[in-house]
PDB file of N, CA and C in Angstrom:
ATOM      1  N   MET A   1     -10.215-178.750  64.931  1.00  0.00           N
ATOM      2  CA  MET A   1      -8.894-178.417  64.600  1.00  0.00           C
ATOM      3  C   MET A   1      -8.158-177.569  64.291  1.00  0.00           C
ATOM      4  N   LYS A   2      -6.683-177.179  65.036  1.00  0.00           N
ATOM      5  CA  LYS A   2      -6.016-176.017  64.652  1.00  0.00           C
ATOM      6  C   LYS A   2      -4.934-176.479  64.095  1.00  0.00           C
ATOM      7  N   VAL A   3      -4.071-175.023  63.489  1.00  0.00           N
ATOM      8  CA  VAL A   3      -2.472-174.959  62.919  1.00  0.00           C
ATOM      9  C   VAL A   3      -1.973-174.057  63.822  1.00  0.00           C
ATOM     10  N   LYS A   4      -0.577-174.358  63.630  1.00  0.00           N
ATOM     11  CA  LYS A   4       0.335-173.792  64.142  1.00  0.00           C
ATOM     12  C   LYS A   4       1.784-173.201  63.196  1.00  0.00           C
ATOM     13  N   ILE A   5       1.809-172.024  62.628  1.00  0.00           N
ATOM     14  CA  ILE A   5       2.404-171.612  61.921  1.00  0.00           C
ATOM     15  C   ILE A   5       4.066-171.192  62.815  1.00  0.00           C
ATOM     16  N   PHE A   6       5.245-171.767  61.790  1.00  0.00           N
ATOM     17  CA  PHE A   6       6.160-171.524  61.953  1.00  0.00           C
ATOM     18  C   PHE A   6       7.362-170.733  61.203  1.00  0.00           C
ATOM     19  N   ASP A   7       8.006-170.034  61.150  1.00  0.00           N
ATOM     20  CA  ASP A   7       9.004-169.174  59.927  1.00  0.00           C
ATOM     21  C   ASP A   7       9.949-168.827  60.587  1.00  0.00           C
ATOM     22  N   GLU A   8      11.474-169.155  60.028  1.00  0.00           N
ATOM     23  CA  GLU A   8      12.489-168.972  60.394  1.00  0.00           C
ATOM     24  C   GLU A   8      13.506-168.681  59.330  1.00  0.00           C
ATOM     25  N   SER A   9      14.374-167.992  59.594  1.00  0.00           N
ATOM     26  CA  SER A   9      15.608-167.875  58.515  1.00  0.00           C
ATOM     27  C   SER A   9      16.701-169.025  58.643  1.00  0.00           C
ATOM     28  N   HIS A  10      16.245-169.791  59.493  1.00  0.00           N
ATOM     29  CA  HIS A  10      17.728-170.957  59.410  1.00  0.00           C
ATOM     30  C   HIS A  10      17.061-172.063  59.812  1.00  0.00           C
ATOM     31  N   GLU A  11      17.132-173.387  59.088  1.00  0.00           N
ATOM     32  CA  GLU A  11      16.523-174.398  59.188  1.00  0.00           C
ATOM     33  C   GLU A  11      16.675-174.818  61.051  1.00  0.00           C
ATOM     34  N   LYS A  12      17.758-174.504  61.719  1.00  0.00           N
ATOM     35  CA  LYS A  12      18.260-175.029  62.694  1.00  0.00           C
ATOM     36  C   LYS A  12      16.777-174.550  63.762  1.00  0.00           C
ATOM     37  N   ASP A  13      17.089-173.059  63.222  1.00  0.00           N
ATOM     38  CA  ASP A  13      16.055-172.572  64.264  1.00  0.00           C
ATOM     39  C   ASP A  13      14.504-173.027  64.101  1.00  0.00           C
ATOM     40  N   LEU A  14      14.006-173.416  62.858  1.00  0.00           N
ATOM     41  CA  LEU A  14      12.966-174.042  62.644  1.00  0.00           C
ATOM     42  C   LEU A  14      12.756-175.625  63.429  1.00  0.00           C
ATOM     43  N   GLU A  15      13.832-175.896  63.074  1.00  0.00           N
ATOM     44  CA  GLU A  15      13.629-177.159  63.957  1.00  0.00           C
ATOM     45  C   GLU A  15      13.848-177.405  65.488  1.00  0.00           C
ATOM     46  N   ALA A  16      14.548-176.526  65.763  1.00  0.00           N
ATOM     47  CA  ALA A  16      14.077-175.973  67.431  1.00  0.00           C
ATOM     48  C   ALA A  16      12.804-175.276  67.637  1.00  0.00           C
ATOM     49  N   SER A  17      12.125-174.994  67.299  1.00  0.00           N
ATOM     50  CA  SER A  17      10.958-174.502  67.540  1.00  0.00           C
ATOM     51  C   SER A  17       9.929-175.024  67.496  1.00  0.00           C
ATOM     52  N   VAL A  18       9.552-176.022  66.423  1.00  0.00           N
ATOM     53  CA  VAL A  18       9.126-177.241  66.035  1.00  0.00           C
ATOM     54  C   VAL A  18       9.114-178.411  67.030  1.00  0.00           C
ATOM     55  N   ASN A  19      10.528-178.702  67.381  1.00  0.00           N
ATOM     56  CA  ASN A  19      10.764-179.364  68.757  1.00  0.00           C
ATOM     57  C   ASN A  19       9.913-179.168  69.485  1.00  0.00           C
ATOM     58  N   GLU A  20      10.274-177.880  70.263  1.00  0.00           N
ATOM     59  CA  GLU A  20       9.889-177.066  71.442  1.00  0.00           C
ATOM     60  C   GLU A  20       8.169-177.244  71.315  1.00  0.00           C
ATOM     61  N   PHE A  21       7.709-177.121  69.990  1.00  0.00           N
ATOM     62  CA  PHE A  21       6.165-176.938  70.010  1.00  0.00           C
ATOM     63  C   PHE A  21       5.953-178.734  70.555  1.00  0.00           C
ATOM     64  N   LEU A  22       5.904-179.983  69.581  1.00  0.00           N
ATOM     65  CA  LEU A  22       5.554-180.595  69.691  1.00  0.00           C
ATOM     66  C   LEU A  22       6.088-181.119  71.174  1.00  0.00           C
ATOM     67  N   SER A  23       7.405-181.117  71.748  1.00  0.00           N
ATOM     68  CA  SER A  23       7.429-181.535  72.862  1.00  0.00           C
ATOM     69  C   SER A  23       6.190-181.307  74.410  1.00  0.00           C
ATOM     70  N   GLY A  24       5.748-180.554  74.021  1.00  0.00           N
ATOM     71  CA  GLY A  24       4.358-179.754  74.712  1.00  0.00           C
ATOM     72  C   GLY A  24       3.034-180.227  74.324  1.00  0.00           C
ATOM     73  N   LEU A  25       2.743-180.733  73.103  1.00  0.00           N
ATOM     74  CA  LEU A  25       1.496-181.317  72.226  1.00  0.00           C
ATOM     75  C   LEU A  25       0.985-182.211  73.046  1.00  0.00           C
ATOM     76  N   THR A  26      -0.412-182.292  73.942  1.00  0.00           N
ATOM     77  CA  THR A  26      -0.902-183.138  74.332  1.00  0.00           C
ATOM     78  C   THR A  26      -2.166-183.732  73.647  1.00  0.00           C
ATOM     79  N   SER A  27      -2.316-183.148  72.687  1.00  0.00           N
ATOM     80  CA  SER A  27      -3.667-183.370  71.540  1.00  0.00           C
ATOM     81  C   SER A  27      -2.603-184.349  70.459  1.00  0.00           C
ATOM     82  N   GLU A  28      -3.654-184.842  69.671  1.00  0.00           N
ATOM     83  CA  GLU A  28      -3.191-185.588  68.319  1.00  0.00           C
ATOM     84  C   GLU A  28      -3.021-184.687  67.151  1.00  0.00           C
ATOM     85  N   LEU A  29      -1.572-185.338  66.636  1.00  0.00           N
ATOM     86  CA  LEU A  29      -0.881-184.542  65.448  1.00  0.00           C
ATOM     87  C   LEU A  29      -1.494-185.143  64.678  1.00  0.00           C
ATOM     88  N   ILE A  30      -2.111-184.198  63.519  1.00  0.00           N
ATOM     89  CA  ILE A  30      -2.309-184.864  62.108  1.00  0.00           C
ATOM     90  C   ILE A  30      -1.580-184.703  61.129  1.00  0.00           C
ATOM     91  N   ASP A  31      -1.070-183.354  61.234  1.00  0.00           N
ATOM     92  CA  ASP A  31       0.098-183.505  60.065  1.00  0.00           C
ATOM     93  C   ASP A  31       1.365-182.272  60.153  1.00  0.00           C
ATOM     94  N   ILE A  32       2.123-182.457  59.113  1.00  0.00           N
ATOM     95  CA  ILE A  32       3.159-181.211  59.264  1.00  0.00           C
ATOM     96  C   ILE A  32       3.728-181.269  58.013  1.00  0.00           C
ATOM     97  N   LYS A  33       3.257-179.772  57.334  1.00  0.00           N
ATOM     98  CA  LYS A  33       4.092-179.115  56.009  1.00  0.00           C
ATOM     99  C   LYS A  33       5.167-178.853  56.068  1.00  0.00           C
ATOM    100  N   TYR A  34       5.709-178.886  55.232  1.00  0.00           N
ATOM    101  CA  TYR A  34       7.404-178.220  55.263  1.00  0.00           C
ATOM    102  C   TYR A  34       7.424-177.124  53.996  1.00  0.00           C
ATOM    103  N   ASN A  35       8.076-175.997  54.353  1.00  0.00           N
ATOM    104  CA  ASN A  35       8.515-175.540  53.054  1.00  0.00           C
ATOM    105  C   ASN A  35      10.031-174.429  52.870  1.00  0.00           C
ATOM    106  N   VAL A  36      10.494-174.470  52.196  1.00  0.00           N
ATOM    107  CA  VAL A  36      11.408-173.181  51.919  1.00  0.00           C
ATOM    108  C   VAL A  36      11.520-172.370  50.912  1.00  0.00           C
ATOM    109  N   ALA A  37      11.969-171.329  51.129  1.00  0.00           N
ATOM    110  CA  ALA A  37      11.779-170.353  49.958  1.00  0.00           C
ATOM    111  C   ALA A  37      13.130-169.707  49.796  1.00  0.00           C
ATOM    112  N   ILE A  38      13.327-169.433  48.704  1.00  0.00           N
ATOM    113  CA  ILE A  38      14.753-168.763  48.552  1.00  0.00           C
ATOM    114  C   ILE A  38      14.397-167.331  47.847  1.00  0.00           C
ATOM    115  N   SER A  39      14.885-166.179  47.721  1.00  0.00           N
ATOM    116  CA  SER A  39      15.130-164.899  47.398  1.00  0.00           C
ATOM    117  C   SER A  39      16.490-164.459  46.879  1.00  0.00           C
ATOM    118  N   THR A  40      16.783-163.404  46.078  1.00  0.00           N
ATOM    119  CA  THR A  40      18.052-162.701  46.440  1.00  0.00           C
ATOM    120  C   THR A  40      17.747-161.243  46.346  1.00  0.00           C
ATOM    121  N   CYS A  41      18.872-160.450  46.895  1.00  0.00           N
ATOM    122  CA  CYS A  41      18.784-159.222  47.204  1.00  0.00           C
ATOM    123  C   CYS A  41      20.339-158.846  47.087  1.00  0.00           C
ATOM    124  N   GLY A  42      20.499-157.994  45.359  1.00  0.00           N
ATOM    125  CA  GLY A  42      21.598-158.227  45.054  1.00  0.00           C
ATOM    126  C   GLY A  42      22.269-159.330  45.396  1.00  0.00           C
ATOM    127  N   GLU A  43      23.347-159.350  45.760  1.00  0.00           N
ATOM    128  CA  GLU A  43      24.545-160.655  45.901  1.00  0.00           C
ATOM    129  C   GLU A  43      23.678-161.530  47.050  1.00  0.00           C
ATOM    130  N   GLU A  44      22.946-161.000  47.504  1.00  0.00           N
ATOM    131  CA  GLU A  44      22.558-162.081  49.203  1.00  0.00           C
ATOM    132  C   GLU A  44      21.942-163.218  48.637  1.00  0.00           C
ATOM    133  N   GLN A  45      21.711-164.313  49.057  1.00  0.00           N
ATOM    134  CA  GLN A  45      20.808-164.854  48.908  1.00  0.00           C
ATOM    135  C   GLN A  45      19.836-165.258  50.516  1.00  0.00           C
ATOM    136  N   ILE A  46      18.356-165.026  50.400  1.00  0.00           N
ATOM    137  CA  ILE A  46      17.903-164.750  51.526  1.00  0.00           C
ATOM    138  C   ILE A  46      16.617-166.035  51.454  1.00  0.00           C
ATOM    139  N   TYR A  47      16.604-166.841  52.816  1.00  0.00           N
ATOM    140  CA  TYR A  47      16.621-168.296  52.930  1.00  0.00           C
ATOM    141  C   TYR A  47      15.341-167.699  53.828  1.00  0.00           C
ATOM    142  N   CYS A  48      13.977-168.677  54.160  1.00  0.00           N
ATOM    143  CA  CYS A  48      12.422-168.637  54.828  1.00  0.00           C
ATOM    144  C   CYS A  48      12.540-170.004  54.720  1.00  0.00           C
ATOM    145  N   PHE A  49      12.672-170.715  55.947  1.00  0.00           N
ATOM    146  CA  PHE A  49      12.209-172.186  56.363  1.00  0.00           C
ATOM    147  C   PHE A  49      10.616-171.969  57.176  1.00  0.00           C
ATOM    148  N   SER A  50      10.038-172.480  56.882  1.00  0.00           N
ATOM    149  CA  SER A  50       8.658-172.392  57.255  1.00  0.00           C
ATOM    150  C   SER A  50       7.893-174.049  57.773  1.00  0.00           C
ATOM    151  N   ALA A  51       6.913-174.131  58.856  1.00  0.00           N
ATOM    152  CA  ALA A  51       6.187-175.603  58.591  1.00  0.00           C
ATOM    153  C   ALA A  51       4.545-175.347  59.333  1.00  0.00           C
ATOM    154  N   MET A  52       4.216-175.716  59.030  1.00  0.00           N
ATOM    155  CA  MET A  52       2.736-175.891  59.649  1.00  0.00           C
ATOM    156  C   MET A  52       2.237-177.050  60.288  1.00  0.00           C
ATOM    157  N   ILE A  53       1.507-177.292  61.214  1.00  0.00           N
ATOM    158  CA  ILE A  53       1.360-177.940  61.591  1.00  0.00           C
ATOM    159  C   ILE A  53       0.090-178.010  62.417  1.00  0.00           C
ATOM    160  N   VAL A  54      -0.813-179.186  61.963  1.00  0.00           N
ATOM    161  CA  VAL A  54      -1.832-179.488  61.753  1.00  0.00           C
ATOM    162  C   VAL A  54      -2.323-180.566  63.291  1.00  0.00           C
ATOM    163  N   TYR A  55      -3.049-180.016  64.198  1.00  0.00           N
ATOM    164  CA  TYR A  55      -3.507-180.719  65.033  1.00  0.00           C
ATOM    165  C   TYR A  55      -4.786-180.518  65.881  1.00  0.00           C
ATOM    166  N   GLU A  56      -5.308-181.678  66.973  1.00  0.00           N
ATOM    167  CA  GLU A  56      -6.445-181.692  67.254  1.00  0.00           C
ATOM    168  C   GLU A  56      -6.688-180.783  68.247  1.00  0.00           C
ATOM    169  N   SER A  57      -7.517-179.551  68.432  1.00  0.00           N
ATOM    170  CA  SER A  57      -8.043-178.701  69.537  1.00  0.00           C
ATOM    171  C   SER A  57      -8.266-179.265  70.745  1.00  0.00           C
TER     172      SER A  57
END
């Protein structure tokens, strides 16, 4: 079993990265975990969109 981690600052970038990886995946997909983290720096909000894909090696 293996994992692949994606971390992007915009949800569309995460979507593109995950879809690109999945399109080339030749083994069995086990699970996808998704997370959003938000923090502030002064007046600015900073987003972190991440996903972990678990798949057979």
